[in-house]
Amino acid sequence: MLATTKLGKANVELAKKLFEIRTVSLLIKKNYSQQENLEKFFKFYSDDKFYDDRYKPLTGNDYDRFISARSSRREPALTRQITTLAYKVGNKVISLAEGMPNEEVFPYKRLKLETHAGGTLELRGKELNAALQYVPSQGLPDLLSELRKFQTDLHRPPAGSRDILVTNGSQHGIYQCVELLVDPGDPIITTEYAYTGIHVALKPYNPEILGIPEDEYGMVPETLDAVLGERLRLGLKMPKMMYIIPTGSNPSGTVLTEERRRQIYELSCKYDFLIVEDDPYMFLDYTDHQTPSFLSMDTHGRVIRLDSVSKVVSAGLRAAWVTAPTPLTQRMELHMQAELLHPCTLAQVILHRLLEDRVSLAEHLKGARNLYRERRDALHAALEPMADLAPYTMPDAGLFFWLRVSGVTDVYNMVFQTAFQRGLMLIPGQAFLYDTTAPCQYVRLTFSKIRMEDINTAVRHLADTIREEQRMKTKRYATEG
């Protein structure tokens, strides 16, 4: 309490004013600090800008050479164009055009979601009707506006013509990119072990996979350069597309360093390919250091970025989006028109509300990261004593440990026979190879859902499984010998 008993009336008033000024000043500092921390949390760009003038930025018709023959044959759906037009003109014209249902047939009048933090999301009236209605294939217009601001704030991409397309999860974005860019037999750049979703999307095209090895810092640029340089020298077909998860690579858990991202981006210009940057674990970087994204350094229009909130908000919402050069998003929209008209509008409205409140979103994301970090650390502590049985590198991001099993040349039998009989489920490394029949020494462990009290038991079963598999291998060799 402010003491005023011994002050004169004038001094009392002066003291009150000084106290009020100090309070306002403290509030301003607090709010500024909060805003500063928020901007730092959502910062995925470098303040050091770089431009390589040896290469010409891609524009307009330059993208034609990347488009697959199948994609190039797509044409706009007039009915979908009418839907887009209807959202632009609103009630300014009388319409007998669009085949939308009447909102009076929608059975719901109110939708209310309550958050763990005590907040609420309530939809009613016109907003709920809009959430239950058709929207343009590119996405809900309000959400698209929010996403454009979100990407600009997070990545500060260099000047260029880019836009956004809402997708039904990032797997849908992967499928869109394959449909857009890949012709049968095309060479595709991936990491040596890559997310299985890219492989299943590519299978019908029978591509040539150029699997580039990783070390603890992600894909090795020097190896990529050597592989592409040799292909060019031999006159072999060059790849148009690279697929990569730069943060928390699935399955290896690596984080590609900023230096390597810049090197790989330079190689995309040198060898003329596009980078599909799939980044679902961007907020699950346990180093507390956000590495600048490929999008943030895309001075030449070569990045197609896939974003998703599946791992940190809800997988079932299928809330995701693609950020890419405008000529590519426009062509992807044609795929959307033929494929599913548009992703779920209700999910888009929920995503819009989520992104609008950056403060609450940041708090939720920090909580998700802390939860997963605790689980990662617990699994690491349990695995350390058996590191000689299965060496691994501590994952810097994501949800996975990637173990190389010592003394076992192929883990397939170990996973589906020995481990399963002990009540333990694992993923064999074959799942992340394009050729799933190839022998593999690796297994992937996921720490996202296992109960904390089950971690030590699971690792004990894993150690016993490996030892049993090693003994069986020794016995087989002795018998065969």
Protein backbone atom coordinates (compact mmCIF):
# COMPACT_ATOMS: atom_id res chain seq x y z
CA MET A 1 0.00 0.00 0.00
CA LEU A 2 1.20 3.54 -0.78
CA ALA A 3 2.02 5.39 2.47
CA THR A 4 0.63 8.97 2.45
CA THR A 5 -0.04 9.85 6.09
CA LYS A 6 2.93 12.23 6.50
CA LEU A 7 2.73 13.81 3.04
CA GLY A 8 1.04 17.06 2.20
CA LYS A 9 -2.02 17.01 -0.08
CA ALA A 10 -0.02 18.16 -3.13
CA ASN A 11 2.68 15.61 -2.47
CA VAL A 12 0.08 12.89 -2.02
CA GLU A 13 -1.35 13.64 -5.48
CA LEU A 14 2.15 13.73 -6.96
CA ALA A 15 3.04 10.42 -5.35
CA LYS A 16 -0.13 8.83 -6.72
CA LYS A 17 0.71 10.04 -10.21
CA LEU A 18 4.27 8.71 -9.95
CA PHE A 19 2.91 5.37 -8.74
CA GLU A 20 0.45 5.23 -11.65
CA ILE A 21 3.18 6.11 -14.15
CA ARG A 22 5.44 3.41 -12.71
CA THR A 23 2.61 0.83 -12.87
CA VAL A 24 1.80 1.69 -16.49
CA SER A 25 5.51 1.52 -17.33
CA LEU A 26 5.79 -1.93 -15.76
CA LEU A 27 2.73 -3.12 -17.69
CA ILE A 28 4.16 -1.80 -20.94
CA LYS A 29 7.48 -3.55 -20.23
CA LYS A 30 5.65 -6.77 -19.37
CA ASN A 31 3.53 -6.65 -22.52
CA TYR A 32 6.57 -5.79 -24.64
CA SER A 33 8.50 -8.68 -23.08
CA GLN A 34 5.59 -11.04 -23.77
CA GLN A 35 5.40 -9.87 -27.39
CA GLU A 36 9.17 -10.21 -27.76
CA ASN A 37 9.08 -13.79 -26.42
CA LEU A 38 6.15 -14.59 -28.70
CA GLU A 39 8.02 -13.35 -31.76
CA LYS A 40 11.09 -15.34 -30.73
CA PHE A 41 9.03 -18.51 -30.27
CA PHE A 42 7.50 -18.16 -33.72
CA LYS A 43 10.76 -17.20 -35.45
CA PHE A 44 11.91 -19.65 -38.13
CA TYR A 45 14.06 -17.30 -40.19
CA SER A 46 17.54 -15.81 -39.96
CA ASP A 47 18.28 -12.11 -39.70
CA ASP A 48 21.22 -12.72 -42.03
CA LYS A 49 19.79 -12.54 -45.53
CA PHE A 50 21.59 -14.17 -48.43
CA TYR A 51 21.06 -14.03 -52.17
CA ASP A 52 23.02 -16.00 -54.76
CA ASP A 53 22.99 -14.04 -58.02
CA ARG A 54 24.58 -16.91 -59.96
CA TYR A 55 21.10 -18.36 -60.48
CA LYS A 56 17.95 -16.92 -62.01
CA PRO A 57 14.81 -16.99 -59.82
CA LEU A 58 11.95 -19.09 -61.18
CA THR A 59 8.87 -17.23 -62.37
CA GLY A 60 5.71 -17.93 -64.36
CA ASN A 61 6.30 -20.38 -67.18
CA ASP A 62 9.60 -21.56 -65.67
CA TYR A 63 7.55 -23.99 -63.59
CA ASP A 64 6.12 -25.71 -66.66
CA ARG A 65 9.20 -27.92 -66.93
CA PHE A 66 8.52 -29.37 -63.46
CA ILE A 67 4.84 -30.22 -64.05
CA SER A 68 4.04 -33.87 -64.69
CA ALA A 69 2.28 -34.90 -67.91
CA ARG A 70 -0.69 -36.11 -65.88
CA SER A 71 -1.04 -32.83 -64.00
CA SER A 72 -0.66 -30.74 -67.15
CA ARG A 73 -3.83 -32.33 -68.56
CA ARG A 74 -6.06 -31.08 -65.74
CA GLU A 75 -8.59 -28.36 -66.46
CA PRO A 76 -10.59 -26.10 -64.10
CA ALA A 77 -14.04 -27.21 -62.92
CA LEU A 78 -16.50 -24.44 -63.78
CA THR A 79 -18.74 -25.28 -60.82
CA ARG A 80 -15.79 -24.84 -58.44
CA GLN A 81 -14.98 -21.50 -60.03
CA ILE A 82 -18.57 -20.45 -59.40
CA THR A 83 -18.19 -21.38 -55.71
CA THR A 84 -15.09 -19.20 -55.46
CA LEU A 85 -16.92 -16.34 -57.19
CA ALA A 86 -19.92 -16.74 -54.87
CA TYR A 87 -17.67 -16.18 -51.81
CA LYS A 88 -16.22 -13.06 -53.39
CA VAL A 89 -19.51 -11.38 -54.35
CA GLY A 90 -21.54 -12.48 -51.32
CA ASN A 91 -25.12 -11.16 -51.45
CA LYS A 92 -24.41 -8.55 -54.12
CA VAL A 93 -26.02 -10.68 -56.83
CA ILE A 94 -28.98 -13.06 -57.05
CA SER A 95 -27.73 -16.59 -57.66
CA LEU A 96 -29.27 -19.59 -59.36
CA ALA A 97 -25.81 -21.04 -59.90
CA GLU A 98 -24.04 -22.89 -57.12
CA GLY A 99 -25.30 -26.32 -56.07
CA MET A 100 -24.97 -25.72 -52.34
CA PRO A 101 -27.40 -27.15 -49.76
CA ASN A 102 -29.71 -24.75 -47.93
CA GLU A 103 -28.40 -23.97 -44.44
CA GLU A 104 -31.85 -24.70 -42.99
CA VAL A 105 -31.25 -28.42 -43.51
CA PHE A 106 -28.17 -28.39 -41.26
CA PRO A 107 -29.21 -30.11 -38.00
CA TYR A 108 -26.89 -28.22 -35.63
CA LYS A 109 -27.47 -24.78 -34.13
CA ARG A 110 -24.49 -24.55 -31.75
CA LEU A 111 -21.07 -26.14 -31.41
CA LYS A 112 -18.96 -25.60 -28.31
CA LEU A 113 -15.43 -26.88 -27.66
CA GLU A 114 -13.72 -26.44 -24.29
CA THR A 115 -9.93 -26.43 -24.02
CA HIS A 116 -7.79 -27.98 -21.27
CA ALA A 117 -6.62 -24.45 -20.47
CA GLY A 118 -10.19 -23.36 -19.68
CA GLY A 119 -10.93 -21.53 -22.93
CA THR A 120 -13.90 -22.13 -25.19
CA LEU A 121 -14.56 -22.12 -28.90
CA GLU A 122 -18.20 -21.59 -29.74
CA LEU A 123 -19.78 -21.56 -33.19
CA ARG A 124 -23.38 -20.57 -33.83
CA GLY A 125 -25.56 -18.82 -36.39
CA LYS A 126 -23.91 -17.68 -39.60
CA GLU A 127 -20.44 -18.75 -38.51
CA LEU A 128 -21.58 -22.31 -37.82
CA ASN A 129 -23.54 -22.40 -41.08
CA ALA A 130 -20.40 -21.33 -42.93
CA ALA A 131 -18.43 -24.07 -41.12
CA LEU A 132 -20.89 -26.68 -42.43
CA GLN A 133 -21.02 -25.42 -46.01
CA TYR A 134 -19.00 -25.82 -49.22
CA VAL A 135 -16.03 -23.48 -49.63
CA PRO A 136 -13.63 -22.76 -52.53
CA SER A 137 -11.16 -25.55 -53.28
CA GLN A 138 -8.19 -23.43 -52.20
CA GLY A 139 -9.64 -23.13 -48.70
CA LEU A 140 -11.82 -21.05 -46.41
CA PRO A 141 -11.06 -17.41 -47.38
CA ASP A 142 -10.70 -16.18 -43.76
CA LEU A 143 -8.34 -19.05 -42.97
CA LEU A 144 -6.25 -18.39 -46.07
CA SER A 145 -5.82 -14.75 -45.00
CA GLU A 146 -4.74 -15.87 -41.51
CA LEU A 147 -2.34 -18.47 -42.91
CA ARG A 148 -0.71 -15.91 -45.20
CA LYS A 149 -0.02 -13.69 -42.18
CA PHE A 150 1.13 -16.68 -40.13
CA GLN A 151 3.66 -17.83 -42.73
CA THR A 152 4.94 -14.31 -43.27
CA ASP A 153 5.46 -13.76 -39.55
CA LEU A 154 7.09 -17.15 -38.92
CA HIS A 155 9.32 -17.46 -41.97
CA ARG A 156 9.73 -13.99 -43.48
CA PRO A 157 10.12 -15.55 -46.95
CA PRO A 158 11.96 -13.46 -49.54
CA ALA A 159 9.89 -11.50 -52.03
CA GLY A 160 8.16 -13.64 -54.63
CA SER A 161 4.79 -14.80 -55.86
CA ARG A 162 3.57 -17.43 -53.36
CA ASP A 163 0.22 -18.61 -52.11
CA ILE A 164 -1.38 -21.18 -49.84
CA LEU A 165 -3.62 -24.19 -50.36
CA VAL A 166 -5.38 -25.88 -47.43
CA THR A 167 -4.94 -29.67 -47.48
CA ASN A 168 -6.51 -32.63 -45.72
CA GLY A 169 -3.40 -33.33 -43.62
CA SER A 170 0.23 -33.24 -44.76
CA GLN A 171 -0.05 -36.69 -46.33
CA HIS A 172 -2.54 -35.11 -48.72
CA GLY A 173 0.06 -32.41 -49.41
CA ILE A 174 2.64 -35.08 -50.20
CA TYR A 175 0.21 -36.76 -52.58
CA GLN A 176 -0.48 -33.40 -54.24
CA CYS A 177 3.25 -32.82 -54.80
CA VAL A 178 3.78 -36.28 -56.29
CA GLU A 179 0.77 -35.85 -58.57
CA LEU A 180 2.04 -32.41 -59.57
CA LEU A 181 5.71 -33.14 -60.23
CA VAL A 182 6.37 -36.84 -60.84
CA ASP A 183 6.23 -38.78 -64.09
CA PRO A 184 6.79 -42.56 -64.26
CA GLY A 185 10.45 -43.48 -63.77
CA ASP A 186 11.52 -40.04 -62.52
CA PRO A 187 14.48 -39.85 -60.12
CA ILE A 188 13.45 -38.48 -56.70
CA ILE A 189 15.79 -37.25 -53.95
CA THR A 190 15.04 -38.38 -50.39
CA THR A 191 17.04 -39.25 -47.31
CA GLU A 192 18.34 -42.83 -47.30
CA TYR A 193 15.60 -43.77 -44.83
CA ALA A 194 12.51 -41.66 -45.43
CA TYR A 195 8.96 -41.25 -44.15
CA THR A 196 6.91 -44.13 -45.50
CA GLY A 197 4.18 -41.74 -46.69
CA ILE A 198 6.37 -40.46 -49.52
CA HIS A 199 7.12 -44.01 -50.65
CA VAL A 200 3.49 -45.14 -50.78
CA ALA A 201 2.59 -42.02 -52.77
CA LEU A 202 5.45 -42.67 -55.22
CA LYS A 203 4.98 -46.44 -55.75
CA PRO A 204 2.58 -46.21 -58.73
CA TYR A 205 5.13 -44.07 -60.58
CA ASN A 206 7.98 -46.60 -60.22
CA PRO A 207 10.52 -43.83 -59.52
CA GLU A 208 14.26 -44.07 -59.14
CA ILE A 209 14.96 -43.23 -55.50
CA LEU A 210 18.18 -41.32 -54.83
CA GLY A 211 18.49 -42.01 -51.09
CA ILE A 212 21.12 -39.69 -49.61
CA PRO A 213 22.67 -40.80 -46.28
CA GLU A 214 22.27 -38.80 -43.07
CA ASP A 215 24.60 -38.34 -40.12
CA GLU A 216 23.69 -36.82 -36.75
CA TYR A 217 23.18 -33.43 -38.46
CA GLY A 218 20.86 -34.67 -41.20
CA MET A 219 21.34 -35.18 -44.93
CA VAL A 220 24.95 -34.81 -46.07
CA PRO A 221 25.14 -32.06 -48.76
CA GLU A 222 28.54 -33.17 -50.06
CA THR A 223 27.15 -36.62 -50.85
CA LEU A 224 24.14 -35.09 -52.58
CA ASP A 225 26.41 -32.87 -54.66
CA ALA A 226 28.60 -35.85 -55.63
CA VAL A 227 25.61 -38.00 -56.63
CA LEU A 228 23.99 -35.29 -58.74
CA GLY A 229 27.30 -34.23 -60.28
CA GLU A 230 27.99 -37.80 -61.37
CA ARG A 231 24.49 -38.15 -62.88
CA LEU A 232 24.99 -34.95 -64.82
CA ARG A 233 28.38 -36.12 -66.05
CA LEU A 234 26.92 -39.42 -67.25
CA GLY A 235 23.96 -37.73 -68.96
CA LEU A 236 21.38 -39.45 -66.73
CA LYS A 237 17.94 -38.02 -66.09
CA MET A 238 18.10 -35.38 -63.35
CA PRO A 239 15.61 -35.15 -60.47
CA LYS A 240 12.95 -32.44 -60.39
CA MET A 241 12.01 -32.97 -56.75
CA MET A 242 13.54 -33.52 -53.31
CA TYR A 243 11.41 -34.63 -50.36
CA ILE A 244 12.83 -33.93 -46.90
CA ILE A 245 11.71 -33.60 -43.26
CA PRO A 246 14.34 -31.12 -42.02
CA THR A 247 13.35 -30.97 -38.33
CA GLY A 248 12.92 -34.24 -36.43
CA SER A 249 13.40 -36.37 -39.53
CA ASN A 250 11.16 -39.42 -39.57
CA PRO A 251 12.62 -41.92 -38.71
CA SER A 252 16.08 -40.63 -37.68
CA GLY A 253 15.10 -37.68 -35.43
CA THR A 254 17.84 -35.46 -36.86
CA VAL A 255 17.63 -31.68 -37.27
CA LEU A 256 19.22 -30.42 -40.47
CA THR A 257 21.54 -27.55 -39.54
CA GLU A 258 21.10 -24.06 -40.98
CA GLU A 259 24.42 -24.36 -42.83
CA ARG A 260 23.33 -27.60 -44.48
CA ARG A 261 19.94 -26.16 -45.40
CA ARG A 262 21.69 -23.30 -47.17
CA GLN A 263 24.03 -25.76 -48.93
CA ILE A 264 21.13 -27.94 -50.07
CA TYR A 265 19.18 -24.89 -51.23
CA GLU A 266 22.17 -23.80 -53.31
CA LEU A 267 22.30 -27.29 -54.82
CA SER A 268 18.62 -27.02 -55.77
CA CYS A 269 19.53 -23.96 -57.83
CA LYS A 270 22.67 -25.57 -59.25
CA TYR A 271 20.94 -28.80 -60.32
CA ASP A 272 17.47 -27.32 -60.95
CA PHE A 273 15.15 -29.20 -58.59
CA LEU A 274 12.34 -28.19 -56.21
CA ILE A 275 12.48 -28.85 -52.45
CA VAL A 276 9.38 -30.30 -50.79
CA GLU A 277 9.90 -29.23 -47.15
CA ASP A 278 7.64 -31.36 -44.93
CA ASP A 279 7.88 -29.92 -41.41
CA PRO A 280 5.32 -31.50 -39.02
CA TYR A 281 7.74 -31.46 -36.05
CA MET A 282 8.87 -27.84 -36.34
CA PHE A 283 7.53 -27.01 -32.85
CA LEU A 284 9.04 -30.18 -31.33
CA ASP A 285 12.68 -29.09 -31.47
CA TYR A 286 14.15 -29.91 -28.06
CA THR A 287 17.28 -27.83 -28.58
CA ASP A 288 15.17 -24.71 -27.89
CA HIS A 289 16.66 -23.25 -31.04
CA GLN A 290 14.44 -22.86 -34.08
CA THR A 291 16.45 -23.46 -37.22
CA PRO A 292 15.53 -21.23 -40.20
CA SER A 293 13.25 -23.00 -42.64
CA PHE A 294 13.91 -23.64 -46.31
CA LEU A 295 10.96 -21.32 -47.00
CA SER A 296 12.73 -18.50 -45.17
CA MET A 297 15.69 -18.74 -47.57
CA ASP A 298 13.69 -19.31 -50.77
CA THR A 299 15.10 -16.44 -52.83
CA HIS A 300 14.63 -18.32 -56.13
CA GLY A 301 11.13 -19.81 -55.78
CA ARG A 302 12.16 -23.44 -55.30
CA VAL A 303 10.42 -24.45 -52.05
CA ILE A 304 7.08 -26.18 -51.57
CA ARG A 305 6.43 -26.17 -47.83
CA LEU A 306 4.04 -28.57 -46.06
CA ASP A 307 2.74 -27.60 -42.61
CA SER A 308 0.49 -29.52 -40.24
CA VAL A 309 -0.80 -29.37 -36.66
CA SER A 310 -1.41 -33.13 -36.48
CA LYS A 311 1.41 -33.89 -34.04
CA VAL A 312 0.86 -30.93 -31.71
CA VAL A 313 -2.90 -30.18 -31.80
CA SER A 314 -5.01 -32.91 -33.37
CA ALA A 315 -4.34 -35.59 -35.97
CA GLY A 316 -8.06 -36.12 -36.60
CA LEU A 317 -8.68 -32.52 -37.67
CA ARG A 318 -6.48 -33.17 -40.74
CA ALA A 319 -5.55 -29.49 -40.54
CA ALA A 320 -2.65 -28.70 -42.86
CA TRP A 321 -1.57 -26.40 -45.67
CA VAL A 322 0.87 -26.01 -48.55
CA THR A 323 2.87 -22.85 -49.19
CA ALA A 324 4.37 -22.71 -52.67
CA PRO A 325 5.01 -20.53 -55.71
CA THR A 326 1.65 -19.34 -57.05
CA PRO A 327 1.84 -21.20 -60.39
CA LEU A 328 2.13 -24.44 -58.39
CA THR A 329 -0.67 -23.73 -55.88
CA GLN A 330 -2.96 -22.82 -58.77
CA ARG A 331 -2.30 -26.17 -60.41
CA MET A 332 -2.69 -28.01 -57.09
CA GLU A 333 -6.11 -26.41 -56.77
CA LEU A 334 -7.13 -28.17 -59.99
CA HIS A 335 -6.18 -31.48 -58.36
CA MET A 336 -8.29 -30.53 -55.33
CA GLN A 337 -11.30 -29.83 -57.52
CA ALA A 338 -11.18 -33.34 -58.95
CA GLU A 339 -10.14 -35.12 -55.77
CA LEU A 340 -12.27 -33.95 -52.83
CA LEU A 341 -13.62 -30.46 -53.74
CA HIS A 342 -12.10 -29.04 -50.53
CA PRO A 343 -10.95 -30.20 -47.06
CA CYS A 344 -13.45 -30.21 -44.18
CA THR A 345 -14.75 -26.67 -43.62
CA LEU A 346 -15.44 -27.24 -39.92
CA ALA A 347 -11.81 -28.24 -39.38
CA GLN A 348 -10.73 -25.11 -41.26
CA VAL A 349 -12.84 -22.87 -39.00
CA ILE A 350 -11.32 -24.50 -35.92
CA LEU A 351 -7.81 -24.07 -37.33
CA HIS A 352 -8.58 -20.41 -38.08
CA ARG A 353 -9.64 -19.78 -34.48
CA LEU A 354 -6.54 -21.62 -33.25
CA LEU A 355 -4.12 -19.50 -35.30
CA GLU A 356 -5.82 -16.21 -34.44
CA ASP A 357 -4.82 -16.42 -30.78
CA ARG A 358 -1.04 -16.64 -30.99
CA VAL A 359 -0.53 -16.30 -27.22
CA SER A 360 -2.73 -19.29 -26.39
CA LEU A 361 -1.29 -21.24 -29.32
CA ALA A 362 2.27 -20.64 -28.12
CA GLU A 363 1.41 -21.79 -24.59
CA HIS A 364 -0.20 -24.95 -25.94
CA LEU A 365 2.76 -25.69 -28.23
CA LYS A 366 5.24 -25.17 -25.39
CA GLY A 367 3.22 -27.61 -23.29
CA ALA A 368 3.23 -30.19 -26.09
CA ARG A 369 6.98 -29.80 -26.55
CA ASN A 370 7.63 -30.17 -22.81
CA LEU A 371 5.46 -33.30 -22.64
CA TYR A 372 7.28 -34.94 -25.53
CA ARG A 373 10.70 -33.83 -24.28
CA GLU A 374 10.01 -35.48 -20.91
CA ARG A 375 9.10 -38.72 -22.68
CA ARG A 376 12.16 -38.52 -24.93
CA ASP A 377 14.42 -38.04 -21.92
CA ALA A 378 12.80 -40.96 -20.08
CA LEU A 379 13.28 -43.30 -23.03
CA HIS A 380 16.86 -42.08 -23.45
CA ALA A 381 17.62 -42.82 -19.78
CA ALA A 382 16.20 -46.33 -20.18
CA LEU A 383 18.11 -46.99 -23.41
CA GLU A 384 21.55 -45.76 -22.28
CA PRO A 385 22.56 -48.97 -20.42
CA MET A 386 21.92 -51.05 -23.57
CA ALA A 387 23.62 -48.69 -26.04
CA ASP A 388 26.14 -51.41 -26.91
CA LEU A 389 23.27 -53.64 -28.10
CA ALA A 390 21.66 -50.91 -30.20
CA PRO A 391 23.67 -47.70 -30.74
CA TYR A 392 21.64 -44.54 -31.38
CA THR A 393 21.95 -40.76 -31.49
CA MET A 394 19.79 -38.75 -29.11
CA PRO A 395 17.00 -37.21 -31.28
CA ASP A 396 17.04 -33.42 -31.25
CA ALA A 397 13.43 -33.14 -32.41
CA GLY A 398 10.34 -35.15 -33.30
CA LEU A 399 8.99 -38.35 -31.77
CA PHE A 400 11.45 -41.10 -32.66
CA PHE A 401 14.62 -42.95 -31.66
CA TRP A 402 16.48 -44.67 -34.50
CA LEU A 403 18.49 -47.67 -33.31
CA ARG A 404 21.02 -49.79 -35.19
CA VAL A 405 20.83 -53.32 -33.77
CA SER A 406 24.28 -54.81 -33.25
CA GLY A 407 24.96 -58.28 -34.58
CA VAL A 408 21.65 -58.55 -36.47
CA THR A 409 21.86 -57.96 -40.21
CA ASP A 410 18.09 -58.00 -40.71
CA VAL A 411 15.62 -57.04 -37.97
CA TYR A 412 12.48 -58.24 -39.75
CA ASN A 413 12.23 -61.58 -37.94
CA MET A 414 13.23 -59.95 -34.66
CA VAL A 415 10.39 -57.42 -34.92
CA PHE A 416 7.57 -59.66 -36.12
CA GLN A 417 8.50 -62.87 -34.30
CA THR A 418 10.86 -62.53 -31.34
CA ALA A 419 9.70 -59.12 -30.07
CA PHE A 420 6.02 -59.68 -30.78
CA GLN A 421 6.05 -62.96 -28.83
CA ARG A 422 7.34 -60.97 -25.85
CA GLY A 423 4.45 -58.53 -26.18
CA LEU A 424 6.54 -55.74 -27.71
CA MET A 425 5.68 -53.90 -30.92
CA LEU A 426 8.39 -52.19 -32.96
CA ILE A 427 8.75 -50.72 -36.44
CA PRO A 428 11.49 -52.32 -38.59
CA GLY A 429 13.77 -50.08 -40.61
CA GLN A 430 12.41 -51.66 -43.81
CA ALA A 431 9.30 -49.49 -43.39
CA PHE A 432 11.43 -46.46 -44.31
CA LEU A 433 13.13 -47.95 -47.35
CA TYR A 434 11.54 -47.76 -50.79
CA ASP A 435 12.44 -51.43 -51.21
CA THR A 436 10.78 -52.88 -48.11
CA THR A 437 12.24 -56.34 -48.83
CA ALA A 438 15.86 -55.19 -48.37
CA PRO A 439 17.68 -56.34 -45.22
CA CYS A 440 17.97 -53.68 -42.53
CA GLN A 441 19.65 -53.35 -39.12
CA TYR A 442 17.52 -50.48 -37.82
CA VAL A 443 14.38 -50.21 -35.70
CA ARG A 444 12.36 -47.11 -34.89
CA LEU A 445 11.01 -46.48 -31.38
CA THR A 446 8.20 -43.96 -30.81
CA PHE A 447 7.85 -42.29 -27.41
CA SER A 448 4.74 -40.18 -28.03
CA LYS A 449 2.01 -42.45 -26.62
CA ILE A 450 3.68 -45.11 -24.47
CA ARG A 451 2.83 -44.74 -20.78
CA MET A 452 5.76 -43.41 -18.77
CA GLU A 453 5.51 -46.33 -16.36
CA ASP A 454 5.87 -48.79 -19.26
CA ILE A 455 9.09 -47.35 -20.72
CA ASN A 456 11.56 -49.32 -18.59
CA THR A 457 9.63 -52.56 -19.13
CA ALA A 458 9.55 -51.98 -22.89
CA VAL A 459 13.31 -51.36 -23.03
CA ARG A 460 13.99 -54.44 -20.93
CA HIS A 461 11.93 -56.51 -23.39
CA LEU A 462 13.84 -54.87 -26.26
CA ALA A 463 17.22 -55.76 -24.74
CA ASP A 464 16.12 -59.36 -24.14
CA THR A 465 14.77 -59.55 -27.70
CA ILE A 466 18.06 -58.37 -29.22
CA ARG A 467 20.11 -60.78 -27.12
CA GLU A 468 17.83 -63.66 -28.09
CA GLU A 469 18.07 -62.72 -31.76
CA GLN A 470 21.87 -62.53 -31.50
CA ARG A 471 21.98 -65.99 -29.88
CA MET A 472 19.77 -67.45 -32.61
CA LYS A 473 22.02 -65.93 -35.26
CA THR A 474 25.14 -67.41 -33.59
CA LYS A 475 23.43 -70.79 -33.36
CA ARG A 476 22.44 -70.68 -37.05
CA TYR A 477 26.00 -69.84 -38.09
CA ALA A 478 27.36 -72.70 -35.96
CA THR A 479 24.88 -75.14 -37.50
CA GLU A 480 25.55 -73.97 -41.05
CA GLY A 481 29.30 -74.02 -40.41
